Amino acid sequence: MPSKKHKPEEIIGKLREVEIVLSQGASTAEACRRIAVSEQTYYLYGRLSLCKRH
């Protein structure tokens, strides 16, 4: 099965959703399950968003 490529707008939306879930006291693993990505992908998204800011 080919992997799905998310658009930058989708990634930003998913990162915002994770921030909300984490602020409600959920674990990182639970937040990743809610946005349907692995923890590795979540951390990759975070690094990518930091690179795009500079």
PDB file of N, CA and C in Angstrom:
ATOM      1  N   MET A   1       0.847  -1.164   0.000  1.00  0.00           N
ATOM      2  CA  MET A   1       0.000   0.000   0.000  1.00  0.00           C
ATOM      3  C   MET A   1       0.901   1.238   0.000  1.00  0.00           C
ATOM      4  N   PRO A   2       0.697   2.147  -0.938  1.00  0.00           N
ATOM      5  CA  PRO A   2       1.522   3.359  -0.983  1.00  0.00           C
ATOM      6  C   PRO A   2       1.178   4.290   0.178  1.00  0.00           C
ATOM      7  N   SER A   3       2.187   5.007   0.627  1.00  0.00           N
ATOM      8  CA  SER A   3       1.946   5.939   1.727  1.00  0.00           C
ATOM      9  C   SER A   3       1.260   7.196   1.216  1.00  0.00           C
ATOM     10  N   LYS A   4       0.472   7.809   2.077  1.00  0.00           N
ATOM     11  CA  LYS A   4      -0.268   9.000   1.689  1.00  0.00           C
ATOM     12  C   LYS A   4       0.615  10.227   1.910  1.00  0.00           C
ATOM     13  N   LYS A   5       0.651  11.093   0.943  1.00  0.00           N
ATOM     14  CA  LYS A   5       1.380  12.347   1.061  1.00  0.00           C
ATOM     15  C   LYS A   5       0.407  13.424   1.517  1.00  0.00           C
ATOM     16  N   HIS A   6       0.681  14.013   2.657  1.00  0.00           N
ATOM     17  CA  HIS A   6      -0.185  15.056   3.174  1.00  0.00           C
ATOM     18  C   HIS A   6       0.264  16.405   2.646  1.00  0.00           C
ATOM     19  N   LYS A   7      -0.700  17.252   2.355  1.00  0.00           N
ATOM     20  CA  LYS A   7      -0.398  18.614   1.911  1.00  0.00           C
ATOM     21  C   LYS A   7       0.039  19.443   3.115  1.00  0.00           C
ATOM     22  N   PRO A   8       0.831  20.493   2.886  1.00  0.00           N
ATOM     23  CA  PRO A   8       1.290  21.327   4.006  1.00  0.00           C
ATOM     24  C   PRO A   8       0.142  21.855   4.865  1.00  0.00           C
ATOM     25  N   GLU A   9      -0.983  22.191   4.244  1.00  0.00           N
ATOM     26  CA  GLU A   9      -2.124  22.699   5.007  1.00  0.00           C
ATOM     27  C   GLU A   9      -2.681  21.620   5.933  1.00  0.00           C
ATOM     28  N   GLU A  10      -2.680  20.372   5.464  1.00  0.00           N
ATOM     29  CA  GLU A  10      -3.157  19.263   6.293  1.00  0.00           C
ATOM     30  C   GLU A  10      -2.222  19.027   7.465  1.00  0.00           C
ATOM     31  N   ILE A  11      -0.924  19.128   7.221  1.00  0.00           N
ATOM     32  CA  ILE A  11       0.063  18.923   8.285  1.00  0.00           C
ATOM     33  C   ILE A  11      -0.114  19.981   9.370  1.00  0.00           C
ATOM     34  N   ILE A  12      -0.276  21.220   8.980  1.00  0.00           N
ATOM     35  CA  ILE A  12      -0.459  22.298   9.947  1.00  0.00           C
ATOM     36  C   ILE A  12      -1.718  22.055  10.771  1.00  0.00           C
ATOM     37  N   GLY A  13      -2.782  21.650  10.119  1.00  0.00           N
ATOM     38  CA  GLY A  13      -4.026  21.348  10.828  1.00  0.00           C
ATOM     39  C   GLY A  13      -3.856  20.214  11.820  1.00  0.00           C
ATOM     40  N   LYS A  14      -3.136  19.175  11.413  1.00  0.00           N
ATOM     41  CA  LYS A  14      -2.900  18.046  12.302  1.00  0.00           C
ATOM     42  C   LYS A  14      -2.041  18.452  13.495  1.00  0.00           C
ATOM     43  N   LEU A  15      -1.015  19.268  13.266  1.00  0.00           N
ATOM     44  CA  LEU A  15      -0.174  19.728  14.374  1.00  0.00           C
ATOM     45  C   LEU A  15      -0.970  20.572  15.366  1.00  0.00           C
ATOM     46  N   ARG A  16      -1.857  21.404  14.867  1.00  0.00           N
ATOM     47  CA  ARG A  16      -2.707  22.213  15.754  1.00  0.00           C
ATOM     48  C   ARG A  16      -3.641  21.325  16.560  1.00  0.00           C
ATOM     49  N   GLU A  17      -4.180  20.306  15.909  1.00  0.00           N
ATOM     50  CA  GLU A  17      -5.075  19.390  16.615  1.00  0.00           C
ATOM     51  C   GLU A  17      -4.327  18.659  17.731  1.00  0.00           C
ATOM     52  N   VAL A  18      -3.090  18.253  17.456  1.00  0.00           N
ATOM     53  CA  VAL A  18      -2.285  17.582  18.474  1.00  0.00           C
ATOM     54  C   VAL A  18      -2.024  18.521  19.645  1.00  0.00           C
ATOM     55  N   GLU A  19      -1.732  19.783  19.369  1.00  0.00           N
ATOM     56  CA  GLU A  19      -1.503  20.749  20.445  1.00  0.00           C
ATOM     57  C   GLU A  19      -2.717  20.834  21.360  1.00  0.00           C
ATOM     58  N   ILE A  20      -3.903  20.842  20.780  1.00  0.00           N
ATOM     59  CA  ILE A  20      -5.137  20.919  21.569  1.00  0.00           C
ATOM     60  C   ILE A  20      -5.296  19.675  22.427  1.00  0.00           C
ATOM     61  N   VAL A  21      -5.085  18.513  21.820  1.00  0.00           N
ATOM     62  CA  VAL A  21      -5.253  17.251  22.544  1.00  0.00           C
ATOM     63  C   VAL A  21      -4.228  17.154  23.675  1.00  0.00           C
ATOM     64  N   LEU A  22      -2.993  17.556  23.411  1.00  0.00           N
ATOM     65  CA  LEU A  22      -1.967  17.500  24.444  1.00  0.00           C
ATOM     66  C   LEU A  22      -2.275  18.468  25.586  1.00  0.00           C
ATOM     67  N   SER A  23      -2.828  19.624  25.270  1.00  0.00           N
ATOM     68  CA  SER A  23      -3.164  20.591  26.314  1.00  0.00           C
ATOM     69  C   SER A  23      -4.306  20.093  27.191  1.00  0.00           C
ATOM     70  N   GLN A  24      -5.096  19.147  26.687  1.00  0.00           N
ATOM     71  CA  GLN A  24      -6.179  18.555  27.456  1.00  0.00           C
ATOM     72  C   GLN A  24      -5.688  17.414  28.338  1.00  0.00           C
ATOM     73  N   GLY A  25      -4.389  17.137  28.287  1.00  0.00           N
ATOM     74  CA  GLY A  25      -3.806  16.139  29.172  1.00  0.00           C
ATOM     75  C   GLY A  25      -3.593  14.763  28.572  1.00  0.00           C
ATOM     76  N   ALA A  26      -3.824  14.597  27.293  1.00  0.00           N
ATOM     77  CA  ALA A  26      -3.624  13.293  26.655  1.00  0.00           C
ATOM     78  C   ALA A  26      -2.132  13.073  26.389  1.00  0.00           C
ATOM     79  N   SER A  27      -1.775  11.821  26.184  1.00  0.00           N
ATOM     80  CA  SER A  27      -0.388  11.493  25.870  1.00  0.00           C
ATOM     81  C   SER A  27      -0.117  11.746  24.386  1.00  0.00           C
ATOM     82  N   THR A  28       1.151  11.773  24.028  1.00  0.00           N
ATOM     83  CA  THR A  28       1.531  11.959  22.634  1.00  0.00           C
ATOM     84  C   THR A  28       1.006  10.807  21.780  1.00  0.00           C
ATOM     85  N   ALA A  29       1.076   9.596  22.320  1.00  0.00           N
ATOM     86  CA  ALA A  29       0.589   8.431  21.576  1.00  0.00           C
ATOM     87  C   ALA A  29      -0.905   8.556  21.281  1.00  0.00           C
ATOM     88  N   GLU A  30      -1.688   8.994  22.277  1.00  0.00           N
ATOM     89  CA  GLU A  30      -3.131   9.170  22.077  1.00  0.00           C
ATOM     90  C   GLU A  30      -3.403  10.259  21.038  1.00  0.00           C
ATOM     91  N   ALA A  31      -2.666  11.355  21.108  1.00  0.00           N
ATOM     92  CA  ALA A  31      -2.852  12.450  20.151  1.00  0.00           C
ATOM     93  C   ALA A  31      -2.537  11.973  18.734  1.00  0.00           C
ATOM     94  N   CYS A  32      -1.499  11.178  18.580  1.00  0.00           N
ATOM     95  CA  CYS A  32      -1.137  10.664  17.254  1.00  0.00           C
ATOM     96  C   CYS A  32      -2.210   9.724  16.724  1.00  0.00           C
ATOM     97  N   ARG A  33      -2.786   8.919  17.596  1.00  0.00           N
ATOM     98  CA  ARG A  33      -3.882   8.037  17.157  1.00  0.00           C
ATOM     99  C   ARG A  33      -5.066   8.857  16.674  1.00  0.00           C
ATOM    100  N   ARG A  34      -5.337   9.966  17.340  1.00  0.00           N
ATOM    101  CA  ARG A  34      -6.491  10.797  16.944  1.00  0.00           C
ATOM    102  C   ARG A  34      -6.300  11.422  15.564  1.00  0.00           C
ATOM    103  N   ILE A  35      -5.055  11.756  15.200  1.00  0.00           N
ATOM    104  CA  ILE A  35      -4.833  12.351  13.882  1.00  0.00           C
ATOM    105  C   ILE A  35      -4.413  11.311  12.847  1.00  0.00           C
ATOM    106  N   ALA A  36      -4.352  10.058  13.272  1.00  0.00           N
ATOM    107  CA  ALA A  36      -4.081   8.910  12.392  1.00  0.00           C
ATOM    108  C   ALA A  36      -2.700   8.964  11.747  1.00  0.00           C
ATOM    109  N   VAL A  37      -1.685   9.295  12.546  1.00  0.00           N
ATOM    110  CA  VAL A  37      -0.300   9.207  12.084  1.00  0.00           C
ATOM    111  C   VAL A  37       0.533   8.546  13.177  1.00  0.00           C
ATOM    112  N   SER A  38       1.675   8.004  12.808  1.00  0.00           N
ATOM    113  CA  SER A  38       2.560   7.403  13.794  1.00  0.00           C
ATOM    114  C   SER A  38       3.287   8.502  14.571  1.00  0.00           C
ATOM    115  N   GLU A  39       3.850   8.119  15.713  1.00  0.00           N
ATOM    116  CA  GLU A  39       4.605   9.101  16.496  1.00  0.00           C
ATOM    117  C   GLU A  39       5.824   9.593  15.709  1.00  0.00           C
ATOM    118  N   GLN A  40       6.428   8.718  14.935  1.00  0.00           N
ATOM    119  CA  GLN A  40       7.577   9.114  14.123  1.00  0.00           C
ATOM    120  C   GLN A  40       7.180  10.189  13.129  1.00  0.00           C
ATOM    121  N   THR A  41       6.027  10.014  12.491  1.00  0.00           N
ATOM    122  CA  THR A  41       5.552  11.004  11.524  1.00  0.00           C
ATOM    123  C   THR A  41       5.237  12.321  12.218  1.00  0.00           C
ATOM    124  N   TYR A  42       4.650  12.244  13.409  1.00  0.00           N
ATOM    125  CA  TYR A  42       4.335  13.455  14.174  1.00  0.00           C
ATOM    126  C   TYR A  42       5.608  14.250  14.459  1.00  0.00           C
ATOM    127  N   TYR A  43       6.658  13.585  14.919  1.00  0.00           N
ATOM    128  CA  TYR A  43       7.906  14.284  15.211  1.00  0.00           C
ATOM    129  C   TYR A  43       8.554  14.820  13.938  1.00  0.00           C
ATOM    130  N   LEU A  44       8.427  14.092  12.828  1.00  0.00           N
ATOM    131  CA  LEU A  44       8.928  14.575  11.548  1.00  0.00           C
ATOM    132  C   LEU A  44       8.200  15.845  11.138  1.00  0.00           C
ATOM    133  N   TYR A  45       6.865  15.848  11.283  1.00  0.00           N
ATOM    134  CA  TYR A  45       6.078  17.039  10.971  1.00  0.00           C
ATOM    135  C   TYR A  45       6.539  18.228  11.809  1.00  0.00           C
ATOM    136  N   GLY A  46       6.801  17.983  13.083  1.00  0.00           N
ATOM    137  CA  GLY A  46       7.249  19.052  13.961  1.00  0.00           C
ATOM    138  C   GLY A  46       8.572  19.635  13.510  1.00  0.00           C
ATOM    139  N   ARG A  47       9.502  18.767  13.130  1.00  0.00           N
ATOM    140  CA  ARG A  47      10.803  19.260  12.647  1.00  0.00           C
ATOM    141  C   ARG A  47      10.637  20.020  11.335  1.00  0.00           C
ATOM    142  N   LEU A  48       9.773  19.525  10.457  1.00  0.00           N
ATOM    143  CA  LEU A  48       9.554  20.202   9.185  1.00  0.00           C
ATOM    144  C   LEU A  48       8.944  21.589   9.387  1.00  0.00           C
ATOM    145  N   SER A  49       7.997  21.677  10.322  1.00  0.00           N
ATOM    146  CA  SER A  49       7.358  22.984  10.555  1.00  0.00           C
ATOM    147  C   SER A  49       8.347  23.966  11.143  1.00  0.00           C
ATOM    148  N   LEU A  50       9.296  23.493  11.954  1.00  0.00           N
ATOM    149  CA  LEU A  50      10.331  24.397  12.492  1.00  0.00           C
ATOM    150  C   LEU A  50      11.256  24.884  11.390  1.00  0.00           C
ATOM    151  N   CYS A  51      11.581  24.002  10.438  1.00  0.00           N
ATOM    152  CA  CYS A  51      12.454  24.392   9.334  1.00  0.00           C
ATOM    153  C   CYS A  51      11.783  25.423   8.431  1.00  0.00           C
ATOM    154  N   LYS A  52      10.502  25.308   8.224  1.00  0.00           N
ATOM    155  CA  LYS A  52       9.773  26.219   7.332  1.00  0.00           C
ATOM    156  C   LYS A  52       9.650  27.621   7.921  1.00  0.00           C
ATOM    157  N   ARG A  53       9.756  27.766   9.248  1.00  0.00           N
ATOM    158  CA  ARG A  53       9.599  29.057   9.890  1.00  0.00           C
ATOM    159  C   ARG A  53      10.791  29.973   9.640  1.00  0.00           C
ATOM    160  N   HIS A  54      11.951  29.390   9.383  1.00  0.00           N
ATOM    161  CA  HIS A  54      13.175  30.213   9.236  1.00  0.00           C
ATOM    162  C   HIS A  54      13.424  30.604   7.815  1.00  0.00           C
TER     163      HIS A  54
END
